[in-house]
Every structure is written in structure tokens, then in C-alpha cells.
Amino acid sequence: MSTLDLVLALGGAAALLAAILPEFLARRALSLPLVYLLAGVLLFTLPIGLPDPDPIAHRAALEHITELCVVISLMGAGLAINRRTGPRGWSTTWRLLALGMPLTVAGVAAAALALPGWPLAAALLLGAVLAPTDPVLASDVHVGEPVDAQNADDEVRFALTSEAGLNDGLAFPIVYAAIAVAAGSVTWGEWALVDVLYRTAAGAVLGLLIGRLLGRLFFRARSDGLRLSERRDGFVALACTFLAYGVTELAHGYGFVAVFVTACAIRSAEHGHGYNNVLHGFVEQIERLLTAWLLLLLGGFVATGGLAALTWRGAAVGLLLLLVIRPLAGWLVQWRGRAGPRERLAISFFGIRGIGSLFYLAYALGEADFGVPARELWAVTGFTVLASVVLHGVTATPAMNHVDTLRDRLDGAAKERG
């Protein structure tokens, strides 16, 4: 039996389970990512000749695979959001991005400086790597299928989905800053103008333009052959994803931002059209497939000694992020916001880390030396993602069930008063 045959067999089994398990786990305190993570640990413990999932040896491959998974998930997240963009309706999102994310980066960087005693470049990189919440692993706390009603998304699911859709791209300026510090070539004025302002604006503007053009083509083209909304071709969502990402990256903008904005613009072109569900359904299936394979590899990373370089100080940084830094920052920035007390608590707690963190670390390690062994950086990042999958995977279903029950109770009370 060749290694390729074994990998194909296991990959097929994982893909099949990705279709079966969501329904089975829907009401249980066990998430699909956690199941795949545990399965990966088990598989790579067995003496069956699986290849070594070493993120250092296969850094470039891991960078591109995680990049693909993230951009596809961003398209799905944007298509699923039912609330139209605006300053008031998205106020929780803007708070989490403009205030919560910088506070989280600063908190993680400070912890990395104080506990393991890392140099500034490595500490800043870790803050950037662990800052984005994840649209890939957080399906249990994100919005579901596109629906016509704009008030269908509760504040918790909407805030977590929209935050994850944008902060994956907005972490890039901090990653670039860490790379510049590591290389000793940082010019803060250029960084602010190019890496922060230009690239972010390019991502937003190009994403909006591409999304509006595609939305007009899909729903309002005069030719029946061009009006793709009259068909059932879900793979068009991949075309939109790659087009927005590729064009924006060619213009040196942030492709992650562009993909999410493109998806939101397509959705807003015909908010209640059924073709949105077709596009979203196809993207969700591809995302689930890629996520299953990546989580098996993450489990293999753990099983083959990937956490051997982890110190208690590095582990403490990850736990501080999940249990103190993100919850505290998320709670503070929502002061006097739209969310009620329990919603505010859920939004601040479910800052799930995942595939985006793996991408950013793989990318950065290909650009500079940060003065900390790569295996230690991978160990801290891998541990944090692992801890997030376990902690948030176990608590997501009970927490969201409680949020839904509370929402139904408040809606019922409002109807009685009306």
C-alpha cells in the first residue's frame, strides 16, 4: 500500500464525515472541528505510515492551503450576513475591529514580552497572528443560511461573523510591522501610509467595485446567458472569490478584505434572491471539506510532537488570550453598545482562533527571522488554536442555545406588550 493510497482513503473518509457529522452534532456540546482534531491525533498516533505534518518542512504548502481555506470561508461569511452595512447596525463590529483588535494585539504582545521574554518582533508577530478571530472554525456561533429578513441575525452571531470577516485582513498591517521590525527596516510613516491606509482602502474599494459589478451581472444583465442568477451554478462563488482576491493582490491591496466586501456587495445586489443560497451553499461545502483536512493535520501536528517546544510560559500566553485578554477587551469595547449583557458576554468570550492564525504564521516565517525558534512559535500558536477548538467547541452549543432561548423569551414578551 502506497502513502498516496492511504492519504486518498483517509481524505475521502474525512470528506464523507464532513457531510454526515454536522447534523449529528447539531444539538450536542461537541463541535465538528473538535471531532476532527481528535481524529487527527488518533490517526497520526497509529503506525500506518502517514507523512509527517511538519509545518516547518512544509511551510510554503501550508501557507497556500490555509490561505485558500480562509478566502473561501470569507466569501461564505459575507454571503450569509443578512444585515445591510451601516454605522448603526454594524456598530458592534466597528468597535471590535477599531478598539478590540488593537487591544488584543497589545495584550498578547505584552504577555509575550513579559512571560517567555521574546524580542519585540516575535511578540508583535504573535499578537498579529493570534488577533484575528476565525470564520472557518466558528460555524457554531456564526450566522447560518442567507434569509430575506434583515433582523434574522441575532447580535451575537452577527457580530462574531462580521468581525471574523474583516479582521482576517486587518491583521496584515501588524504582521508587516512585525516583519519590518525583525528585518530592522521599519519606517513607520511608510507603514502607516502603505500597509495600513493604501492596502486596506484598496481591499475595500476593489472589493466593493467587483462585488457590485458581479451583482449587476448576476441579477440584472440584459442577456439571459449572462444573468447567472437564473441558473444553479454554485461554483460561481469560487470564481468571485478568486477574482476578487487575485485582482486585489495584484494591486497590492488586502485580498482578504476584498473577498469579504465582494461577498457583502453581491448579497446586497438582490438581498432576498435564492441565488445567494446557491452560492453560499457551495462555498460552505468546500470550506467544510478543507477545514476537515486541515484539522486532521493539526491533530497530526500534536500527535507527532509539535507541542514539544511549548513552555509553560508560552502556554500561559495562549491561555491569557483566550481567558483574559480577548474577553476583557471584547467586553470593554462594547460598553453602551447594541448588545445586551448576556450577548456582550458571549461576543467577548467567543473570539475563536484557527486557520487564519496558521496562515499568518506560515507567511511571516517565510519573510523574516524573528529571533525565536520557529518550532517554539508554532508550538505556542498551535497550542492556542488547539485550546480554542476545545474550549469554544465544548461551550458553543450550550451558550448559543441559551442565547436563542433568551432571545425567544424577549421576542415573546415584546409581542405580548404589542
Protein backbone atom coordinates (compact mmCIF):
# COMPACT_ATOMS: atom_id res chain seq x y z
CA MET A 1 0.00 0.00 0.00
CA SER A 2 1.46 3.38 -1.03
CA THR A 3 1.31 6.50 1.11
CA LEU A 4 -0.76 8.24 -1.56
CA ASP A 5 -3.38 5.48 -1.49
CA LEU A 6 -3.63 5.78 2.29
CA VAL A 7 -3.92 9.56 2.17
CA LEU A 8 -6.64 9.36 -0.50
CA ALA A 9 -8.61 6.80 1.50
CA LEU A 10 -8.44 8.83 4.70
CA GLY A 11 -9.17 12.06 2.83
CA GLY A 12 -12.28 10.50 1.30
CA ALA A 13 -13.45 9.22 4.67
CA ALA A 14 -12.91 12.65 6.20
CA ALA A 15 -14.87 14.29 3.40
CA LEU A 16 -17.75 11.85 3.84
CA LEU A 17 -17.86 12.51 7.58
CA ALA A 18 -17.86 16.25 6.89
CA ALA A 19 -21.25 15.72 5.25
CA ILE A 20 -22.64 13.37 7.93
CA LEU A 21 -21.45 14.80 11.23
CA PRO A 22 -22.91 18.36 11.25
CA GLU A 23 -26.47 17.08 11.57
CA PHE A 24 -25.45 14.50 14.16
CA LEU A 25 -23.62 17.07 16.30
CA ALA A 26 -26.12 19.90 15.86
CA ARG A 27 -27.55 19.83 19.39
CA ARG A 28 -24.60 18.33 21.21
CA ALA A 29 -21.85 20.05 23.20
CA LEU A 30 -19.29 18.83 20.70
CA SER A 31 -18.20 20.72 17.60
CA LEU A 32 -17.15 19.33 14.23
CA PRO A 33 -13.65 20.92 14.48
CA LEU A 34 -13.09 19.23 17.83
CA VAL A 35 -14.08 15.84 16.40
CA TYR A 36 -11.64 16.22 13.50
CA LEU A 37 -8.88 17.42 15.78
CA LEU A 38 -9.26 14.35 17.99
CA ALA A 39 -9.45 12.12 14.92
CA GLY A 40 -6.20 13.61 13.63
CA VAL A 41 -4.46 12.92 16.93
CA LEU A 42 -5.67 9.32 16.83
CA LEU A 43 -4.77 8.70 13.18
CA PHE A 44 -1.24 10.05 13.44
CA THR A 45 -0.64 8.06 16.61
CA LEU A 46 -1.29 4.82 14.72
CA PRO A 47 1.70 3.15 12.98
CA ILE A 48 0.18 3.29 9.49
CA GLY A 49 2.83 5.31 7.69
CA LEU A 50 1.20 8.70 7.39
CA PRO A 51 3.53 11.55 6.26
CA ASP A 52 4.92 13.86 8.92
CA PRO A 53 2.74 17.02 9.20
CA ASP A 54 5.71 19.28 9.93
CA PRO A 55 4.72 22.95 9.41
CA ILE A 56 8.37 23.99 9.11
CA ALA A 57 9.31 21.45 6.45
CA HIS A 58 6.08 22.13 4.53
CA ARG A 59 5.76 25.84 5.31
CA ALA A 60 5.00 27.03 1.77
CA ALA A 61 2.38 24.35 1.15
CA LEU A 62 0.71 25.09 4.48
CA GLU A 63 0.68 28.82 3.75
CA HIS A 64 -1.17 28.35 0.45
CA ILE A 65 -3.62 25.73 1.74
CA THR A 66 -4.62 27.82 4.75
CA GLU A 67 -4.82 30.91 2.54
CA LEU A 68 -7.25 29.12 0.24
CA CYS A 69 -9.36 27.92 3.15
CA VAL A 70 -9.58 31.40 4.67
CA VAL A 71 -10.56 33.21 1.45
CA ILE A 72 -13.29 30.67 0.73
CA SER A 73 -14.65 30.99 4.25
CA LEU A 74 -14.67 34.79 3.93
CA MET A 75 -16.86 34.55 0.82
CA GLY A 76 -19.26 32.28 2.71
CA ALA A 77 -19.37 34.63 5.71
CA GLY A 78 -20.12 37.67 3.56
CA LEU A 79 -22.88 35.93 1.62
CA ALA A 80 -24.54 34.73 4.84
CA ILE A 81 -24.84 38.12 6.56
CA ASN A 82 -28.41 39.36 6.36
CA ARG A 83 -27.91 42.81 7.89
CA ARG A 84 -27.14 45.64 5.50
CA THR A 85 -23.93 47.58 6.09
CA GLY A 86 -24.27 50.79 8.09
CA PRO A 87 -22.77 52.71 11.00
CA ARG A 88 -25.52 51.83 13.48
CA GLY A 89 -26.34 48.24 12.54
CA TRP A 90 -22.65 47.34 12.43
CA SER A 91 -21.63 49.39 15.46
CA THR A 92 -20.59 46.33 17.48
CA THR A 93 -18.39 45.19 14.58
CA TRP A 94 -16.68 48.57 14.26
CA ARG A 95 -15.97 48.60 18.00
CA LEU A 96 -14.46 45.11 17.91
CA LEU A 97 -12.28 45.99 14.92
CA ALA A 98 -11.17 49.55 15.76
CA LEU A 99 -10.74 49.10 19.51
CA GLY A 100 -10.92 45.42 20.44
CA MET A 101 -8.41 44.15 17.91
CA PRO A 102 -5.61 46.64 18.77
CA LEU A 103 -6.17 45.97 22.48
CA THR A 104 -5.89 42.24 21.84
CA VAL A 105 -2.67 42.64 19.84
CA ALA A 106 -1.17 44.85 22.54
CA GLY A 107 -2.20 42.44 25.29
CA VAL A 108 -0.73 39.38 23.58
CA ALA A 109 2.46 41.21 22.64
CA ALA A 110 2.90 42.46 26.21
CA ALA A 111 2.35 38.94 27.56
CA ALA A 112 4.90 37.51 25.10
CA LEU A 113 7.43 40.15 26.13
CA ALA A 114 6.87 39.57 29.84
CA LEU A 115 6.44 35.79 30.15
CA PRO A 116 8.67 33.97 27.62
CA GLY A 117 10.77 37.13 27.22
CA TRP A 118 10.58 37.19 23.43
CA PRO A 119 12.09 40.05 21.41
CA LEU A 120 9.73 42.79 20.22
CA ALA A 121 9.45 41.44 16.65
CA ALA A 122 8.38 37.98 17.81
CA ALA A 123 5.99 39.38 20.43
CA LEU A 124 4.39 41.69 17.89
CA LEU A 125 4.12 38.85 15.41
CA LEU A 126 2.38 36.63 17.94
CA GLY A 127 -0.08 39.42 18.70
CA ALA A 128 -0.82 39.79 14.99
CA VAL A 129 -1.06 36.03 14.39
CA LEU A 130 -3.48 35.48 17.25
CA ALA A 131 -5.52 38.67 16.79
CA PRO A 132 -7.93 37.57 14.03
CA THR A 133 -10.97 35.57 15.04
CA ASP A 134 -11.76 32.73 12.72
CA PRO A 135 -14.58 32.46 10.16
CA VAL A 136 -13.58 28.84 9.46
CA LEU A 137 -13.86 27.16 12.87
CA ALA A 138 -16.65 29.28 14.32
CA SER A 139 -19.65 27.92 12.39
CA ASP A 140 -21.45 27.09 15.63
CA VAL A 141 -21.53 30.77 16.64
CA HIS A 142 -21.88 32.35 13.19
CA VAL A 143 -24.90 33.25 11.10
CA GLY A 144 -26.41 30.46 9.06
CA GLU A 145 -28.09 30.44 5.65
CA PRO A 146 -28.97 33.69 3.85
CA VAL A 147 -32.59 34.69 4.53
CA ASP A 148 -34.69 37.62 3.39
CA ALA A 149 -35.32 39.18 6.82
CA GLN A 150 -32.65 41.69 7.82
CA ASN A 151 -33.33 41.16 11.54
CA ALA A 152 -32.79 37.41 11.30
CA ASP A 153 -29.25 37.59 12.74
CA ASP A 154 -29.04 38.00 16.50
CA GLU A 155 -26.38 40.39 17.73
CA VAL A 156 -24.02 37.61 18.88
CA ARG A 157 -23.90 35.68 15.62
CA PHE A 158 -23.84 38.82 13.52
CA ALA A 159 -21.03 40.47 15.49
CA LEU A 160 -18.84 37.36 15.51
CA THR A 161 -19.38 36.72 11.78
CA SER A 162 -18.78 40.27 10.61
CA GLU A 163 -15.79 40.69 12.92
CA ALA A 164 -14.19 37.49 11.62
CA GLY A 165 -14.94 38.51 8.04
CA LEU A 166 -12.90 41.70 8.33
CA ASN A 167 -10.21 41.13 10.96
CA ASP A 168 -8.56 38.37 8.94
CA GLY A 169 -7.46 41.07 6.52
CA LEU A 170 -6.88 43.81 9.08
CA ALA A 171 -4.25 41.72 10.89
CA PHE A 172 -1.95 42.05 7.90
CA PRO A 173 -0.63 45.57 8.73
CA ILE A 174 0.54 44.29 12.12
CA VAL A 175 2.18 41.26 10.51
CA TYR A 176 4.01 43.59 8.12
CA ALA A 177 5.10 45.75 11.07
CA ALA A 178 6.49 42.68 12.85
CA ILE A 179 8.37 41.61 9.70
CA ALA A 180 9.85 45.11 9.34
CA VAL A 181 10.93 45.18 12.98
CA ALA A 182 12.55 41.75 12.60
CA ALA A 183 14.40 42.88 9.48
CA GLY A 184 15.46 46.14 11.12
CA SER A 185 13.96 48.15 8.26
CA VAL A 186 10.84 49.61 9.80
CA THR A 187 9.75 53.05 8.57
CA TRP A 188 6.60 53.90 10.48
CA GLY A 189 5.44 56.66 8.13
CA GLU A 190 5.63 54.38 5.11
CA TRP A 191 4.00 51.57 7.09
CA ALA A 192 1.06 53.81 8.05
CA LEU A 193 0.57 55.15 4.52
CA VAL A 194 1.11 51.93 2.55
CA ASP A 195 0.44 48.93 4.76
CA VAL A 196 -2.39 50.46 6.77
CA LEU A 197 -4.11 53.09 4.64
CA TYR A 198 -3.47 52.17 0.99
CA ARG A 199 -3.73 48.39 1.21
CA THR A 200 -6.81 48.47 3.41
CA ALA A 201 -8.53 51.06 1.22
CA ALA A 202 -7.59 49.14 -1.92
CA GLY A 203 -9.09 45.97 -0.48
CA ALA A 204 -12.33 47.71 0.50
CA VAL A 205 -12.73 49.74 -2.71
CA LEU A 206 -11.83 46.95 -5.14
CA GLY A 207 -13.99 44.50 -3.22
CA LEU A 208 -16.93 46.90 -3.41
CA LEU A 209 -16.45 47.58 -7.14
CA ILE A 210 -16.02 43.91 -8.05
CA GLY A 211 -18.97 42.90 -5.89
CA ARG A 212 -21.27 45.50 -7.41
CA LEU A 213 -20.23 44.61 -10.95
CA LEU A 214 -20.76 40.91 -10.30
CA GLY A 215 -24.08 41.59 -8.57
CA ARG A 216 -25.29 43.59 -11.55
CA LEU A 217 -24.11 40.83 -13.90
CA PHE A 218 -25.74 38.03 -11.90
CA PHE A 219 -29.12 39.66 -11.31
CA ARG A 220 -29.64 42.45 -13.87
CA ALA A 221 -27.78 41.55 -17.05
CA ARG A 222 -29.97 42.04 -20.13
CA SER A 223 -28.76 38.83 -21.72
CA ASP A 224 -30.19 35.63 -20.28
CA GLY A 225 -26.85 33.95 -20.82
CA LEU A 226 -25.11 36.42 -18.55
CA ARG A 227 -27.78 36.54 -15.85
CA LEU A 228 -26.32 33.69 -13.81
CA SER A 229 -28.93 34.02 -11.05
CA GLU A 230 -31.32 32.18 -13.36
CA ARG A 231 -29.15 29.07 -13.06
CA ARG A 232 -27.97 26.85 -10.20
CA ASP A 233 -24.21 27.11 -10.73
CA GLY A 234 -22.82 27.32 -7.21
CA PHE A 235 -19.21 27.11 -8.35
CA VAL A 236 -19.54 30.73 -9.48
CA ALA A 237 -18.88 31.61 -5.83
CA LEU A 238 -15.34 30.30 -6.27
CA ALA A 239 -14.94 32.43 -9.39
CA CYS A 240 -15.98 35.50 -7.39
CA THR A 241 -13.61 34.58 -4.58
CA PHE A 242 -10.56 34.07 -6.76
CA LEU A 243 -11.32 37.09 -8.97
CA ALA A 244 -11.67 39.49 -6.04
CA TYR A 245 -8.66 38.07 -4.23
CA GLY A 246 -6.38 37.91 -7.26
CA VAL A 247 -7.19 41.36 -8.65
CA THR A 248 -6.76 42.99 -5.25
CA GLU A 249 -3.49 41.24 -4.51
CA LEU A 250 -2.19 42.30 -7.94
CA ALA A 251 -2.99 45.87 -6.90
CA HIS A 252 -1.13 45.26 -3.61
CA GLY A 253 -4.30 45.56 -1.57
CA TYR A 254 -5.57 43.19 1.10
CA GLY A 255 -7.30 40.35 -0.71
CA PHE A 256 -8.94 39.03 2.47
CA VAL A 257 -10.75 42.35 2.94
CA ALA A 258 -11.73 42.44 -0.75
CA VAL A 259 -13.26 38.95 -0.72
CA PHE A 260 -15.48 39.68 2.26
CA VAL A 261 -16.57 43.07 0.89
CA THR A 262 -17.24 41.48 -2.52
CA ALA A 263 -19.47 38.87 -0.90
CA CYS A 264 -21.42 41.53 1.03
CA ALA A 265 -21.85 43.60 -2.15
CA ILE A 266 -23.11 40.61 -4.15
CA ARG A 267 -25.56 39.82 -1.37
CA SER A 268 -26.85 43.39 -1.23
CA ALA A 269 -27.45 43.49 -5.01
CA GLU A 270 -30.56 41.32 -4.58
CA HIS A 271 -30.85 40.74 -0.86
CA GLY A 272 -33.59 38.13 -0.86
CA HIS A 273 -32.78 36.28 -4.08
CA GLY A 274 -32.45 32.50 -3.84
CA TYR A 275 -29.21 32.52 -5.82
CA ASN A 276 -27.46 33.81 -2.69
CA ASN A 277 -28.31 30.50 -1.05
CA VAL A 278 -26.91 28.59 -4.01
CA LEU A 279 -23.60 30.45 -3.84
CA HIS A 280 -23.39 30.22 -0.06
CA GLY A 281 -24.24 26.52 -0.01
CA PHE A 282 -21.48 25.66 -2.47
CA VAL A 283 -18.86 27.71 -0.63
CA GLU A 284 -19.88 26.22 2.70
CA GLN A 285 -19.36 22.70 1.37
CA ILE A 286 -15.87 23.48 0.06
CA GLU A 287 -14.99 25.24 3.31
CA ARG A 288 -16.14 22.28 5.38
CA LEU A 289 -14.07 19.91 3.26
CA LEU A 290 -10.85 21.94 3.51
CA THR A 291 -11.39 22.52 7.22
CA ALA A 292 -11.73 18.79 7.86
CA TRP A 293 -8.42 18.04 6.17
CA LEU A 294 -6.57 20.89 7.90
CA LEU A 295 -7.83 19.87 11.32
CA LEU A 296 -6.70 16.31 10.74
CA LEU A 297 -3.24 17.73 10.03
CA LEU A 298 -3.39 19.91 13.15
CA GLY A 299 -4.21 16.82 15.17
CA GLY A 300 -1.28 15.10 13.49
CA PHE A 301 0.95 18.05 14.45
CA VAL A 302 0.01 17.47 18.09
CA ALA A 303 0.41 13.68 17.88
CA THR A 304 3.87 13.85 16.29
CA GLY A 305 5.36 16.12 18.93
CA GLY A 306 4.51 19.55 17.56
CA LEU A 307 3.99 20.87 21.09
CA ALA A 308 7.33 19.58 22.38
CA ALA A 309 8.82 23.08 22.16
CA LEU A 310 5.95 24.56 24.21
CA THR A 311 6.97 26.00 27.58
CA TRP A 312 4.59 26.80 30.42
CA ARG A 313 5.23 30.48 29.75
CA GLY A 314 4.23 30.13 26.10
CA ALA A 315 1.13 28.16 27.08
CA ALA A 316 0.28 30.88 29.59
CA VAL A 317 0.28 33.49 26.82
CA GLY A 318 -2.23 31.45 24.82
CA LEU A 319 -4.48 30.88 27.84
CA LEU A 320 -4.29 34.53 28.81
CA LEU A 321 -5.51 35.45 25.33
CA LEU A 322 -8.47 33.06 25.44
CA LEU A 323 -9.50 33.57 29.06
CA VAL A 324 -8.50 37.14 29.89
CA ILE A 325 -7.23 39.38 27.06
CA ARG A 326 -9.90 38.77 24.40
CA PRO A 327 -12.85 38.50 26.84
CA LEU A 328 -11.80 41.67 28.68
CA ALA A 329 -11.09 43.67 25.50
CA GLY A 330 -14.32 42.46 23.89
CA TRP A 331 -16.32 43.35 26.99
CA LEU A 332 -14.85 46.83 27.38
CA VAL A 333 -15.27 47.95 23.77
CA GLN A 334 -18.98 47.06 23.81
CA TRP A 335 -19.74 49.44 26.66
CA ARG A 336 -23.07 51.18 25.96
CA GLY A 337 -23.33 49.26 22.70
CA ARG A 338 -26.20 47.43 20.98
CA ALA A 339 -25.66 44.10 22.72
CA GLY A 340 -27.36 43.23 25.99
CA PRO A 341 -25.35 41.96 28.98
CA ARG A 342 -25.52 38.25 28.09
CA GLU A 343 -24.94 38.92 24.38
CA ARG A 344 -21.99 41.11 25.27
CA LEU A 345 -20.51 38.31 27.35
CA ALA A 346 -20.92 35.76 24.55
CA ILE A 347 -19.41 38.07 21.92
CA SER A 348 -16.37 38.79 24.07
CA PHE A 349 -15.83 35.14 25.02
CA PHE A 350 -16.13 33.51 21.58
CA GLY A 351 -13.05 35.03 19.99
CA ILE A 352 -12.19 31.77 18.26
CA ARG A 353 -8.66 31.29 16.91
CA GLY A 354 -7.97 28.97 14.00
CA ILE A 355 -6.90 28.64 10.39
CA GLY A 356 -6.14 32.33 9.89
CA SER A 357 -3.54 32.19 12.67
CA LEU A 358 -1.82 29.26 10.97
CA PHE A 359 -1.74 31.17 7.67
CA TYR A 360 -0.23 34.32 9.12
CA LEU A 361 2.49 32.45 10.98
CA ALA A 362 3.42 30.39 7.91
CA TYR A 363 3.52 33.55 5.81
CA ALA A 364 5.62 35.56 8.27
CA LEU A 365 8.18 32.80 8.85
CA GLY A 366 8.85 32.80 5.13
CA GLU A 367 9.68 36.52 5.24
CA ALA A 368 11.99 37.06 8.23
CA ASP A 369 13.78 35.60 11.27
CA PHE A 370 12.08 36.75 14.48
CA GLY A 371 14.75 35.75 16.99
CA VAL A 372 12.69 32.87 18.39
CA PRO A 373 12.96 29.27 17.15
CA ALA A 374 10.25 28.57 14.58
CA ARG A 375 9.23 25.42 16.45
CA GLU A 376 8.51 27.48 19.57
CA LEU A 377 6.39 29.93 17.59
CA TRP A 378 4.49 27.04 16.04
CA ALA A 379 4.08 25.38 19.43
CA VAL A 380 2.54 28.48 21.05
CA THR A 381 0.28 29.19 18.08
CA GLY A 382 -0.73 25.54 17.68
CA PHE A 383 -1.46 25.25 21.40
CA THR A 384 -3.64 28.37 21.34
CA VAL A 385 -5.64 27.13 18.35
CA LEU A 386 -5.95 23.70 19.97
CA ALA A 387 -7.13 25.22 23.26
CA SER A 388 -9.61 27.42 21.37
CA VAL A 389 -11.04 24.46 19.45
CA VAL A 390 -11.52 22.52 22.69
CA LEU A 391 -12.77 25.37 24.88
CA HIS A 392 -15.07 27.02 22.37
CA GLY A 393 -16.11 23.74 20.76
CA VAL A 394 -17.46 22.39 24.04
CA THR A 395 -19.16 25.61 25.12
CA ALA A 396 -20.55 26.92 21.81
CA THR A 397 -23.72 24.83 21.59
CA PRO A 398 -24.90 25.31 25.21
CA ALA A 399 -24.06 29.02 25.10
CA MET A 400 -25.85 29.67 21.83
CA ASN A 401 -28.85 27.60 22.93
CA HIS A 402 -29.08 29.87 25.97
CA VAL A 403 -28.80 32.98 23.79
CA ASP A 404 -31.54 31.67 21.49
CA THR A 405 -33.82 30.85 24.42
CA LEU A 406 -33.32 34.31 25.88
CA ARG A 407 -34.00 35.92 22.50
CA ASP A 408 -37.21 33.92 22.02
CA ARG A 409 -38.34 34.90 25.51
CA LEU A 410 -37.71 38.59 24.87
CA ASP A 411 -39.44 38.44 21.46
CA GLY A 412 -42.42 36.74 23.07
CA ALA A 413 -42.62 39.37 25.77
CA ALA A 414 -42.41 42.14 23.16
CA LYS A 415 -45.28 40.60 21.17
CA GLU A 416 -47.44 40.38 24.31
CA ARG A 417 -46.84 44.03 25.07
CA GLY A 418 -47.61 44.91 21.43
